[in-house]
Amino acid sequence: MVTDQEIEREFEEFSVTIDDLSILDKLKEICILCHPSATELVEEWIAPITSAGCNQEPNLSSLAEFERKQSLSKEKKHKQQLSIKLEETKPLMFSKDTIDEVYPLFHRQYENYSPAIEL
């Protein structure tokens, strides 16, 4: 579990000081809900802020938006992982109508194969 000290240390690397305990509590809540490490959390906070040239200090309203983006990102990653797992485990089913489409692929894969014993 991410601690206040870890979050503060990571923000301090970017010269951002967090004095408000409610901000730290909200940051820890985001870590619990979305599972980033303190480093990932701060990097994901700092990257868009610095590229936009905005204020780097988090506040409760900006953290609410950040939390929404984090949860959407987490859901998207989870859906991608599920689709990959489904594709990997999808059984190959052929019928008499579709086997001819697959046979050339299968045949090419084994065209250089010769059994050890000739019949």
N, C-alpha and C. Protein backbone atom coordinates (compact mmCIF):
# COMPACT_ATOMS: atom_id res chain seq x y z
N MET A 1 0.83 -1.18 0.00
CA MET A 1 0.00 0.00 0.00
C MET A 1 0.89 1.25 0.00
N VAL A 2 0.50 2.23 -0.77
CA VAL A 2 1.24 3.47 -0.90
C VAL A 2 1.07 4.31 0.36
N THR A 3 2.15 4.90 0.82
CA THR A 3 2.10 5.72 2.03
C THR A 3 2.17 7.20 1.69
N ASP A 4 1.82 8.03 2.68
CA ASP A 4 1.92 9.49 2.52
C ASP A 4 3.34 9.89 2.17
N GLN A 5 4.30 9.28 2.86
CA GLN A 5 5.71 9.64 2.67
C GLN A 5 6.16 9.33 1.24
N GLU A 6 5.72 8.19 0.70
CA GLU A 6 6.11 7.84 -0.67
C GLU A 6 5.57 8.87 -1.67
N ILE A 7 4.32 9.24 -1.48
CA ILE A 7 3.69 10.21 -2.39
C ILE A 7 4.39 11.56 -2.26
N GLU A 8 4.62 12.00 -1.03
CA GLU A 8 5.30 13.28 -0.81
C GLU A 8 6.69 13.29 -1.43
N ARG A 9 7.43 12.19 -1.24
CA ARG A 9 8.79 12.08 -1.78
C ARG A 9 8.78 12.17 -3.31
N GLU A 10 7.82 11.50 -3.94
CA GLU A 10 7.75 11.52 -5.40
C GLU A 10 7.39 12.91 -5.92
N PHE A 11 6.47 13.59 -5.25
CA PHE A 11 6.12 14.96 -5.66
C PHE A 11 7.27 15.92 -5.43
N GLU A 12 8.02 15.72 -4.35
CA GLU A 12 9.16 16.59 -4.05
C GLU A 12 10.23 16.53 -5.13
N GLU A 13 10.34 15.40 -5.81
CA GLU A 13 11.30 15.29 -6.92
C GLU A 13 10.99 16.29 -8.02
N PHE A 14 9.72 16.70 -8.10
CA PHE A 14 9.29 17.67 -9.11
C PHE A 14 9.03 19.04 -8.48
N SER A 15 9.58 19.25 -7.29
CA SER A 15 9.45 20.52 -6.55
C SER A 15 8.01 20.88 -6.24
N VAL A 16 7.20 19.87 -5.97
CA VAL A 16 5.81 20.09 -5.59
C VAL A 16 5.66 19.63 -4.14
N THR A 17 5.16 20.54 -3.30
CA THR A 17 4.96 20.22 -1.90
C THR A 17 3.47 20.10 -1.63
N ILE A 18 3.10 19.02 -0.94
CA ILE A 18 1.70 18.81 -0.59
C ILE A 18 1.59 18.92 0.92
N ASP A 19 0.90 19.97 1.35
CA ASP A 19 0.74 20.21 2.79
C ASP A 19 -0.64 19.79 3.30
N ASP A 20 -1.59 19.70 2.42
CA ASP A 20 -2.97 19.40 2.81
C ASP A 20 -3.16 17.88 2.93
N LEU A 21 -3.58 17.44 4.12
CA LEU A 21 -3.78 16.00 4.35
C LEU A 21 -4.93 15.44 3.51
N SER A 22 -5.93 16.25 3.21
CA SER A 22 -7.04 15.76 2.39
C SER A 22 -6.56 15.45 0.97
N ILE A 23 -5.58 16.20 0.49
CA ILE A 23 -5.00 15.92 -0.84
C ILE A 23 -4.25 14.59 -0.80
N LEU A 24 -3.45 14.39 0.25
CA LEU A 24 -2.73 13.12 0.39
C LEU A 24 -3.69 11.95 0.50
N ASP A 25 -4.76 12.12 1.26
CA ASP A 25 -5.76 11.06 1.40
C ASP A 25 -6.39 10.73 0.05
N LYS A 26 -6.69 11.76 -0.73
CA LYS A 26 -7.29 11.54 -2.05
C LYS A 26 -6.31 10.82 -2.98
N LEU A 27 -5.04 11.19 -2.92
CA LEU A 27 -4.02 10.53 -3.74
C LEU A 27 -3.88 9.06 -3.35
N LYS A 28 -3.92 8.79 -2.05
CA LYS A 28 -3.85 7.38 -1.61
C LYS A 28 -5.09 6.62 -2.05
N GLU A 29 -6.24 7.27 -2.01
CA GLU A 29 -7.48 6.64 -2.47
C GLU A 29 -7.38 6.25 -3.94
N ILE A 30 -6.82 7.15 -4.74
CA ILE A 30 -6.64 6.84 -6.17
C ILE A 30 -5.71 5.64 -6.33
N CYS A 31 -4.67 5.57 -5.51
CA CYS A 31 -3.74 4.42 -5.58
C CYS A 31 -4.45 3.13 -5.22
N ILE A 32 -5.34 3.18 -4.24
CA ILE A 32 -6.07 1.98 -3.84
C ILE A 32 -7.03 1.55 -4.93
N LEU A 33 -7.74 2.51 -5.52
CA LEU A 33 -8.75 2.18 -6.52
C LEU A 33 -8.17 1.79 -7.87
N CYS A 34 -7.11 2.47 -8.28
CA CYS A 34 -6.58 2.27 -9.63
C CYS A 34 -5.26 1.52 -9.68
N HIS A 35 -4.66 1.25 -8.53
CA HIS A 35 -3.45 0.43 -8.37
C HIS A 35 -2.15 0.97 -8.96
N PRO A 36 -1.99 2.27 -9.13
CA PRO A 36 -0.66 2.72 -9.53
C PRO A 36 0.27 2.79 -8.31
N SER A 37 1.55 2.70 -8.55
CA SER A 37 2.52 2.93 -7.48
C SER A 37 2.61 4.44 -7.25
N ALA A 38 3.29 4.85 -6.21
CA ALA A 38 3.46 6.29 -5.96
C ALA A 38 4.19 6.95 -7.13
N THR A 39 5.18 6.28 -7.66
CA THR A 39 5.93 6.81 -8.80
C THR A 39 5.03 6.97 -10.01
N GLU A 40 4.26 5.94 -10.34
CA GLU A 40 3.37 6.00 -11.50
C GLU A 40 2.32 7.09 -11.33
N LEU A 41 1.77 7.18 -10.12
CA LEU A 41 0.76 8.19 -9.83
C LEU A 41 1.30 9.59 -10.11
N VAL A 42 2.46 9.89 -9.55
CA VAL A 42 3.04 11.22 -9.70
C VAL A 42 3.44 11.48 -11.15
N GLU A 43 4.00 10.49 -11.82
CA GLU A 43 4.37 10.67 -13.22
C GLU A 43 3.14 10.95 -14.08
N GLU A 44 2.06 10.23 -13.81
CA GLU A 44 0.84 10.44 -14.58
C GLU A 44 0.18 11.77 -14.24
N TRP A 45 0.44 12.29 -13.06
CA TRP A 45 -0.06 13.61 -12.69
C TRP A 45 0.79 14.70 -13.35
N ILE A 46 2.09 14.55 -13.24
CA ILE A 46 3.03 15.59 -13.70
C ILE A 46 3.07 15.72 -15.22
N ALA A 47 3.02 14.62 -15.95
CA ALA A 47 3.19 14.66 -17.41
C ALA A 47 2.24 15.63 -18.10
N PRO A 48 0.93 15.50 -17.94
CA PRO A 48 0.06 16.45 -18.65
C PRO A 48 0.13 17.87 -18.09
N ILE A 49 0.41 17.98 -16.80
CA ILE A 49 0.49 19.31 -16.18
C ILE A 49 1.67 20.09 -16.74
N THR A 50 2.83 19.45 -16.83
CA THR A 50 4.01 20.16 -17.32
C THR A 50 3.91 20.44 -18.82
N SER A 51 3.32 19.53 -19.57
CA SER A 51 3.19 19.78 -21.02
C SER A 51 2.21 20.90 -21.31
N ALA A 52 1.22 21.10 -20.42
CA ALA A 52 0.26 22.18 -20.62
C ALA A 52 0.74 23.48 -19.98
N GLY A 53 1.80 23.41 -19.18
CA GLY A 53 2.33 24.59 -18.53
C GLY A 53 1.44 25.12 -17.42
N CYS A 54 0.69 24.22 -16.78
CA CYS A 54 -0.25 24.63 -15.73
C CYS A 54 0.40 24.53 -14.35
N ASN A 55 -0.39 24.89 -13.34
CA ASN A 55 0.01 24.77 -11.95
C ASN A 55 0.19 23.29 -11.61
N GLN A 56 1.29 22.93 -10.98
CA GLN A 56 1.58 21.53 -10.68
C GLN A 56 0.98 21.07 -9.36
N GLU A 57 0.52 21.99 -8.53
CA GLU A 57 0.01 21.62 -7.21
C GLU A 57 -1.38 20.99 -7.36
N PRO A 58 -1.55 19.77 -6.87
CA PRO A 58 -2.88 19.15 -6.95
C PRO A 58 -3.84 19.79 -5.95
N ASN A 59 -5.11 19.89 -6.35
CA ASN A 59 -6.17 20.30 -5.43
C ASN A 59 -7.31 19.31 -5.58
N LEU A 60 -8.31 19.40 -4.72
CA LEU A 60 -9.36 18.39 -4.71
C LEU A 60 -10.15 18.35 -6.02
N SER A 61 -10.40 19.48 -6.63
CA SER A 61 -11.18 19.47 -7.87
C SER A 61 -10.36 18.87 -9.02
N SER A 62 -9.07 19.22 -9.10
CA SER A 62 -8.24 18.64 -10.17
C SER A 62 -8.00 17.15 -9.93
N LEU A 63 -7.97 16.74 -8.66
CA LEU A 63 -7.80 15.32 -8.36
C LEU A 63 -9.04 14.51 -8.72
N ALA A 64 -10.21 15.12 -8.62
CA ALA A 64 -11.44 14.42 -9.01
C ALA A 64 -11.40 14.09 -10.50
N GLU A 65 -10.96 15.04 -11.31
CA GLU A 65 -10.82 14.81 -12.76
C GLU A 65 -9.74 13.78 -13.04
N PHE A 66 -8.64 13.90 -12.32
CA PHE A 66 -7.53 12.95 -12.48
C PHE A 66 -7.99 11.54 -12.12
N GLU A 67 -8.76 11.40 -11.05
CA GLU A 67 -9.27 10.08 -10.64
C GLU A 67 -10.19 9.50 -11.71
N ARG A 68 -11.03 10.34 -12.30
CA ARG A 68 -11.92 9.87 -13.36
C ARG A 68 -11.12 9.34 -14.54
N LYS A 69 -10.07 10.07 -14.93
CA LYS A 69 -9.22 9.62 -16.05
C LYS A 69 -8.49 8.34 -15.70
N GLN A 70 -8.04 8.22 -14.46
CA GLN A 70 -7.34 7.01 -14.03
C GLN A 70 -8.26 5.80 -14.08
N SER A 71 -9.50 5.97 -13.60
CA SER A 71 -10.42 4.83 -13.60
C SER A 71 -10.82 4.45 -15.01
N LEU A 72 -10.98 5.45 -15.91
CA LEU A 72 -11.27 5.13 -17.31
C LEU A 72 -10.11 4.39 -17.95
N SER A 73 -8.90 4.83 -17.65
CA SER A 73 -7.71 4.19 -18.19
C SER A 73 -7.60 2.75 -17.68
N LYS A 74 -7.90 2.56 -16.41
CA LYS A 74 -7.85 1.22 -15.82
C LYS A 74 -8.88 0.31 -16.49
N GLU A 75 -10.10 0.83 -16.71
CA GLU A 75 -11.14 0.03 -17.37
C GLU A 75 -10.73 -0.33 -18.79
N LYS A 76 -10.14 0.62 -19.50
CA LYS A 76 -9.71 0.37 -20.87
C LYS A 76 -8.64 -0.72 -20.92
N LYS A 77 -7.66 -0.63 -20.00
CA LYS A 77 -6.60 -1.65 -19.95
C LYS A 77 -7.19 -3.02 -19.62
N HIS A 78 -8.15 -3.03 -18.70
CA HIS A 78 -8.77 -4.29 -18.30
C HIS A 78 -9.53 -4.91 -19.48
N LYS A 79 -10.25 -4.09 -20.25
CA LYS A 79 -10.97 -4.60 -21.41
C LYS A 79 -10.01 -5.13 -22.46
N GLN A 80 -8.89 -4.44 -22.67
CA GLN A 80 -7.89 -4.91 -23.63
C GLN A 80 -7.32 -6.26 -23.20
N GLN A 81 -7.04 -6.40 -21.91
CA GLN A 81 -6.51 -7.66 -21.41
C GLN A 81 -7.53 -8.77 -21.59
N LEU A 82 -8.80 -8.48 -21.33
CA LEU A 82 -9.84 -9.49 -21.51
C LEU A 82 -9.96 -9.90 -22.97
N SER A 83 -9.91 -8.94 -23.88
CA SER A 83 -10.05 -9.29 -25.29
C SER A 83 -8.86 -10.13 -25.75
N ILE A 84 -7.68 -9.83 -25.25
CA ILE A 84 -6.50 -10.64 -25.61
C ILE A 84 -6.67 -12.05 -25.08
N LYS A 85 -7.11 -12.19 -23.85
CA LYS A 85 -7.31 -13.51 -23.28
C LYS A 85 -8.36 -14.29 -24.05
N LEU A 86 -9.45 -13.61 -24.46
CA LEU A 86 -10.50 -14.29 -25.21
C LEU A 86 -9.98 -14.75 -26.56
N GLU A 87 -9.19 -13.92 -27.23
CA GLU A 87 -8.65 -14.30 -28.52
C GLU A 87 -7.68 -15.47 -28.39
N GLU A 88 -6.89 -15.47 -27.33
CA GLU A 88 -5.92 -16.54 -27.14
C GLU A 88 -6.59 -17.87 -26.85
N THR A 89 -7.74 -17.83 -26.19
CA THR A 89 -8.39 -19.07 -25.77
C THR A 89 -9.54 -19.47 -26.68
N LYS A 90 -9.76 -18.71 -27.73
CA LYS A 90 -10.86 -19.00 -28.64
C LYS A 90 -10.58 -20.31 -29.37
N PRO A 91 -11.46 -21.28 -29.23
CA PRO A 91 -11.21 -22.56 -29.92
C PRO A 91 -11.44 -22.41 -31.43
N LEU A 92 -10.65 -23.13 -32.18
CA LEU A 92 -10.83 -23.13 -33.62
C LEU A 92 -11.92 -24.13 -33.98
N MET A 93 -12.92 -23.64 -34.66
CA MET A 93 -14.04 -24.49 -35.06
C MET A 93 -14.16 -24.42 -36.57
N PHE A 94 -14.27 -25.55 -37.18
CA PHE A 94 -14.41 -25.60 -38.63
C PHE A 94 -15.64 -26.42 -38.97
N SER A 95 -16.20 -26.09 -40.07
CA SER A 95 -17.30 -26.88 -40.59
C SER A 95 -16.89 -27.36 -41.98
N LYS A 96 -17.70 -28.16 -42.57
CA LYS A 96 -17.38 -28.64 -43.91
C LYS A 96 -17.31 -27.49 -44.91
N ASP A 97 -17.98 -26.37 -44.57
CA ASP A 97 -17.98 -25.23 -45.48
C ASP A 97 -16.73 -24.35 -45.31
N THR A 98 -16.12 -24.35 -44.12
CA THR A 98 -15.00 -23.44 -43.87
C THR A 98 -13.65 -24.14 -43.84
N ILE A 99 -13.61 -25.46 -43.85
CA ILE A 99 -12.34 -26.18 -43.73
C ILE A 99 -11.43 -25.90 -44.93
N ASP A 100 -12.01 -25.69 -46.11
CA ASP A 100 -11.20 -25.42 -47.29
C ASP A 100 -10.45 -24.09 -47.19
N GLU A 101 -10.99 -23.14 -46.43
CA GLU A 101 -10.31 -21.86 -46.24
C GLU A 101 -9.07 -22.03 -45.38
N VAL A 102 -9.09 -22.96 -44.45
CA VAL A 102 -8.01 -23.14 -43.50
C VAL A 102 -7.00 -24.17 -44.00
N TYR A 103 -7.41 -25.11 -44.79
CA TYR A 103 -6.53 -26.19 -45.22
C TYR A 103 -5.25 -25.70 -45.88
N PRO A 104 -5.29 -24.70 -46.78
CA PRO A 104 -4.02 -24.26 -47.38
C PRO A 104 -3.03 -23.72 -46.34
N LEU A 105 -3.52 -23.02 -45.33
CA LEU A 105 -2.64 -22.52 -44.28
C LEU A 105 -2.02 -23.68 -43.51
N PHE A 106 -2.83 -24.65 -43.18
CA PHE A 106 -2.36 -25.82 -42.44
C PHE A 106 -1.38 -26.62 -43.30
N HIS A 107 -1.71 -26.78 -44.55
CA HIS A 107 -0.88 -27.57 -45.46
C HIS A 107 0.49 -26.90 -45.65
N ARG A 108 0.53 -25.56 -45.81
CA ARG A 108 1.79 -24.86 -45.96
C ARG A 108 2.68 -25.03 -44.73
N GLN A 109 2.07 -25.06 -43.58
CA GLN A 109 2.84 -25.18 -42.34
C GLN A 109 3.57 -26.52 -42.29
N TYR A 110 2.99 -27.56 -42.86
CA TYR A 110 3.56 -28.90 -42.76
C TYR A 110 4.03 -29.46 -44.11
N GLU A 111 4.17 -28.63 -45.14
CA GLU A 111 4.53 -29.15 -46.45
C GLU A 111 5.95 -29.73 -46.48
N ASN A 112 6.86 -29.26 -45.66
CA ASN A 112 8.21 -29.80 -45.63
C ASN A 112 8.39 -30.91 -44.61
N TYR A 113 7.33 -31.27 -43.96
CA TYR A 113 7.38 -32.31 -42.94
C TYR A 113 7.38 -33.67 -43.63
N SER A 114 8.28 -34.54 -43.20
CA SER A 114 8.23 -35.90 -43.70
C SER A 114 8.34 -36.84 -42.52
N PRO A 115 7.55 -37.86 -42.48
CA PRO A 115 7.61 -38.78 -41.35
C PRO A 115 8.94 -39.53 -41.34
N ALA A 116 9.33 -39.99 -40.20
CA ALA A 116 10.60 -40.71 -40.05
C ALA A 116 10.54 -42.04 -40.80
N ILE A 117 9.39 -42.62 -40.87
CA ILE A 117 9.23 -43.92 -41.52
C ILE A 117 8.33 -43.75 -42.73
N GLU A 118 8.81 -44.15 -43.87
CA GLU A 118 8.01 -44.09 -45.09
C GLU A 118 7.07 -45.29 -45.11
N LEU A 119 5.83 -45.03 -45.43
CA LEU A 119 4.87 -46.15 -45.51
C LEU A 119 4.75 -46.65 -46.91
